[in-house]
C-alpha atoms as a PDB file:
ATOM      1  CA  MET A   1     -31.582 -22.779-123.519  1.00  0.00           C
ATOM      2  CA  SER A   2     -30.050 -20.475-126.015  1.00  0.00           C
ATOM      3  CA  ILE A   3     -27.582 -20.690-128.863  1.00  0.00           C
ATOM      4  CA  TYR A   4     -24.278 -18.833-128.985  1.00  0.00           C
ATOM      5  CA  VAL A   5     -23.431 -17.540-132.469  1.00  0.00           C
ATOM      6  CA  GLY A   6     -19.842 -16.337-132.794  1.00  0.00           C
ATOM      7  CA  ASN A   7     -17.610 -14.789-135.446  1.00  0.00           C
ATOM      8  CA  LEU A   8     -20.448 -12.645-136.795  1.00  0.00           C
ATOM      9  CA  SER A   9     -19.991  -9.770-139.185  1.00  0.00           C
ATOM     10  CA  TYR A  10     -20.111  -6.362-137.515  1.00  0.00           C
ATOM     11  CA  GLU A  11     -22.861  -5.476-140.019  1.00  0.00           C
ATOM     12  CA  VAL A  12     -25.296  -8.141-138.744  1.00  0.00           C
ATOM     13  CA  SER A  13     -28.803  -7.211-137.588  1.00  0.00           C
ATOM     14  CA  GLN A  14     -31.516  -8.998-135.633  1.00  0.00           C
ATOM     15  CA  GLU A  15     -33.506  -9.293-138.859  1.00  0.00           C
ATOM     16  CA  ASP A  16     -30.574 -11.026-140.599  1.00  0.00           C
ATOM     17  CA  LEU A  17     -30.205 -13.583-137.817  1.00  0.00           C
ATOM     18  CA  GLY A  18     -33.957 -14.060-137.575  1.00  0.00           C
ATOM     19  CA  GLU A  19     -34.149 -14.957-141.259  1.00  0.00           C
ATOM     20  CA  VAL A  20     -31.382 -17.535-140.985  1.00  0.00           C
ATOM     21  CA  PHE A  21     -32.563 -19.216-137.775  1.00  0.00           C
ATOM     22  CA  SER A  22     -36.284 -19.196-138.642  1.00  0.00           C
ATOM     23  CA  GLU A  23     -35.513 -21.812-141.300  1.00  0.00           C
ATOM     24  CA  TYR A  24     -34.996 -24.264-138.402  1.00  0.00           C
ATOM     25  CA  GLY A  25     -37.968 -23.339-136.211  1.00  0.00           C
ATOM     26  CA  SER A  26     -39.655 -20.558-134.285  1.00  0.00           C
ATOM     27  CA  VAL A  27     -37.224 -17.910-132.988  1.00  0.00           C
ATOM     28  CA  GLN A  28     -38.205 -16.547-129.576  1.00  0.00           C
ATOM     29  CA  ARG A  29     -35.514 -13.939-128.986  1.00  0.00           C
ATOM     30  CA  ILE A  30     -32.277 -12.611-130.483  1.00  0.00           C
ATOM     31  CA  TYR A  31     -29.747 -10.629-128.471  1.00  0.00           C
ATOM     32  CA  ILE A  32     -26.756  -8.974-130.165  1.00  0.00           C
ATOM     33  CA  PRO A  33     -24.440  -7.358-127.579  1.00  0.00           C
ATOM     34  CA  LYS A  34     -22.936  -3.979-128.487  1.00  0.00           C
ATOM     35  CA  ASP A  35     -19.808  -2.283-127.232  1.00  0.00           C
ATOM     36  CA  ARG A  36     -20.739   0.265-124.551  1.00  0.00           C
ATOM     37  CA  GLU A  37     -18.335   2.925-125.757  1.00  0.00           C
ATOM     38  CA  THR A  38     -18.639   2.651-129.537  1.00  0.00           C
ATOM     39  CA  GLY A  39     -22.120   1.141-129.908  1.00  0.00           C
ATOM     40  CA  ARG A  40     -20.693  -1.288-132.459  1.00  0.00           C
ATOM     41  CA  VAL A  41     -21.798  -4.921-132.580  1.00  0.00           C
ATOM     42  CA  ARG A  42     -19.291  -7.101-130.704  1.00  0.00           C
ATOM     43  CA  GLY A  43     -19.277  -9.967-133.214  1.00  0.00           C
ATOM     44  CA  PHE A  44     -21.453 -12.513-131.413  1.00  0.00           C
ATOM     45  CA  ALA A  45     -25.104 -13.054-130.534  1.00  0.00           C
ATOM     46  CA  PHE A  46     -27.494 -15.263-128.609  1.00  0.00           C
ATOM     47  CA  VAL A  47     -30.549 -16.833-130.228  1.00  0.00           C
ATOM     48  CA  GLU A  48     -33.369 -18.499-128.308  1.00  0.00           C
ATOM     49  CA  MET A  49     -35.704 -20.842-130.130  1.00  0.00           C
ATOM     50  CA  GLN A  50     -39.025 -22.319-129.059  1.00  0.00           C
ATOM     51  CA  ASP A  51     -37.953 -25.977-129.044  1.00  0.00           C
ATOM     52  CA  GLU A  52     -34.646 -27.509-128.038  1.00  0.00           C
ATOM     53  CA  SER A  53     -34.861 -29.855-131.025  1.00  0.00           C
ATOM     54  CA  ASP A  54     -35.020 -26.787-133.313  1.00  0.00           C
ATOM     55  CA  GLU A  55     -31.928 -25.401-131.592  1.00  0.00           C
ATOM     56  CA  ASP A  56     -30.108 -28.678-132.164  1.00  0.00           C
ATOM     57  CA  LYS A  57     -31.047 -28.653-135.865  1.00  0.00           C
ATOM     58  CA  ALA A  58     -29.849 -25.061-136.263  1.00  0.00           C
ATOM     59  CA  ILE A  59     -26.552 -25.764-134.478  1.00  0.00           C
ATOM     60  CA  GLU A  60     -25.861 -28.829-136.588  1.00  0.00           C
ATOM     61  CA  ALA A  61     -26.734 -27.060-139.843  1.00  0.00           C
ATOM     62  CA  LEU A  62     -25.018 -23.710-139.233  1.00  0.00           C
ATOM     63  CA  ASN A  63     -21.860 -24.426-137.215  1.00  0.00           C
ATOM     64  CA  GLY A  64     -18.836 -23.967-139.471  1.00  0.00           C
ATOM     65  CA  THR A  65     -20.798 -22.545-142.398  1.00  0.00           C
ATOM     66  CA  THR A  66     -19.789 -19.316-144.104  1.00  0.00           C
ATOM     67  CA  TRP A  67     -22.289 -16.473-143.833  1.00  0.00           C
ATOM     68  CA  MET A  68     -21.626 -12.794-144.609  1.00  0.00           C
ATOM     69  CA  ASP A  69     -18.019 -13.786-145.454  1.00  0.00           C
ATOM     70  CA  ARG A  70     -17.429 -15.182-141.944  1.00  0.00           C
ATOM     71  CA  GLU A  71     -17.198 -18.784-140.701  1.00  0.00           C
ATOM     72  CA  LEU A  72     -19.844 -19.106-137.998  1.00  0.00           C
ATOM     73  CA  LYS A  73     -19.268 -20.738-134.637  1.00  0.00           C
ATOM     74  CA  VAL A  74     -22.649 -21.979-133.439  1.00  0.00           C
ATOM     75  CA  ASN A  75     -23.149 -23.981-130.241  1.00  0.00           C
ATOM     76  CA  LYS A  76     -25.178 -24.194-127.031  1.00  0.00           C
ATOM     77  CA  ALA A  77     -24.672 -21.119-124.885  1.00  0.00           C
ATOM     78  CA  LYS A  78     -22.989 -21.807-121.565  1.00  0.00           C
ATOM     79  CA  PRO A  79     -24.756 -20.459-118.476  1.00  0.00           C
ATOM     80  CA  ARG A  80     -23.325 -17.279-117.014  1.00  0.00           C
ATOM     81  CA  GLU A  81     -21.132 -17.879-113.971  1.00  0.00           C
END
Protein backbone atom coordinates (compact mmCIF):
# COMPACT_ATOMS: atom_id res chain seq x y z
CA MET A 1 0.00 0.00 0.00
CA SER A 2 0.96 3.60 -0.15
CA ILE A 3 -0.03 6.82 1.55
CA TYR A 4 -1.51 9.82 -0.23
CA VAL A 5 -0.22 13.14 1.13
CA GLY A 6 -2.20 16.14 -0.10
CA ASN A 7 -2.12 19.92 0.27
CA LEU A 8 1.68 20.00 0.18
CA SER A 9 3.73 23.13 -0.25
CA TYR A 10 5.06 23.60 -3.78
CA GLU A 11 8.53 23.88 -2.19
CA VAL A 12 8.50 20.32 -0.79
CA SER A 13 11.27 17.84 -1.64
CA GLN A 14 11.68 14.09 -1.28
CA GLU A 15 14.19 14.74 1.50
CA ASP A 16 11.64 16.85 3.42
CA LEU A 17 8.99 14.13 3.22
CA GLY A 18 11.51 11.42 4.03
CA GLU A 19 12.49 13.20 7.24
CA VAL A 20 8.89 13.54 8.39
CA PHE A 21 7.74 10.00 7.54
CA SER A 22 10.90 8.24 8.77
CA GLU A 23 9.85 9.16 12.31
CA TYR A 24 7.11 6.52 11.93
CA GLY A 25 9.09 3.73 10.28
CA SER A 26 11.19 2.77 7.28
CA VAL A 27 10.30 4.71 4.11
CA GLN A 28 10.57 2.60 0.96
CA ARG A 29 9.71 5.12 -1.74
CA ILE A 30 8.48 8.70 -2.18
CA TYR A 31 6.90 9.94 -5.40
CA ILE A 32 6.11 13.63 -5.90
CA PRO A 33 4.29 14.21 -9.22
CA LYS A 34 5.29 17.30 -11.22
CA ASP A 35 3.37 19.25 -13.81
CA ARG A 36 4.49 18.18 -17.29
CA GLU A 37 4.52 21.68 -18.73
CA THR A 38 5.95 23.73 -15.87
CA GLY A 39 7.93 21.09 -13.96
CA ARG A 40 6.44 22.44 -10.74
CA VAL A 41 5.37 20.13 -7.92
CA ARG A 42 1.61 19.49 -8.12
CA GLY A 43 0.95 19.74 -4.37
CA PHE A 44 0.60 16.06 -3.46
CA ALA A 45 2.79 12.98 -3.07
CA PHE A 46 2.74 9.25 -2.44
CA VAL A 47 4.80 7.64 0.30
CA GLU A 48 5.37 3.90 0.62
CA MET A 49 6.54 2.49 3.93
CA GLN A 50 7.90 -0.94 4.79
CA ASP A 51 5.11 -1.99 7.16
CA GLU A 52 1.40 -1.28 6.97
CA SER A 53 1.37 -0.64 10.72
CA ASP A 54 3.95 2.13 10.18
CA GLU A 55 1.73 3.62 7.49
CA ASP A 56 -1.23 3.58 9.87
CA LYS A 57 0.82 5.33 12.57
CA ALA A 58 1.98 8.01 10.13
CA ILE A 59 -1.55 8.61 8.82
CA GLU A 60 -2.98 8.93 12.31
CA ALA A 61 -0.20 11.26 13.47
CA LEU A 62 0.08 13.51 10.41
CA ASN A 63 -3.44 13.87 8.97
CA GLY A 64 -4.70 17.39 9.69
CA THR A 65 -1.39 18.67 11.06
CA THR A 66 0.18 21.88 9.81
CA TRP A 67 3.53 21.48 8.06
CA MET A 68 5.28 24.10 5.90
CA ASP A 69 2.29 26.41 6.56
CA ARG A 70 -0.16 23.92 5.01
CA GLU A 71 -2.72 21.60 6.63
CA LEU A 72 -1.83 18.11 5.44
CA LYS A 73 -4.35 15.60 4.16
CA VAL A 74 -2.86 12.16 4.78
CA ASN A 75 -4.70 8.90 4.05
CA LYS A 76 -4.40 5.53 2.33
CA ALA A 77 -3.90 5.93 -1.40
CA LYS A 78 -6.74 4.58 -3.51
CA PRO A 79 -5.76 2.17 -6.29
CA ARG A 80 -5.66 3.63 -9.77
CA GLU A 81 -8.74 2.80 -11.84
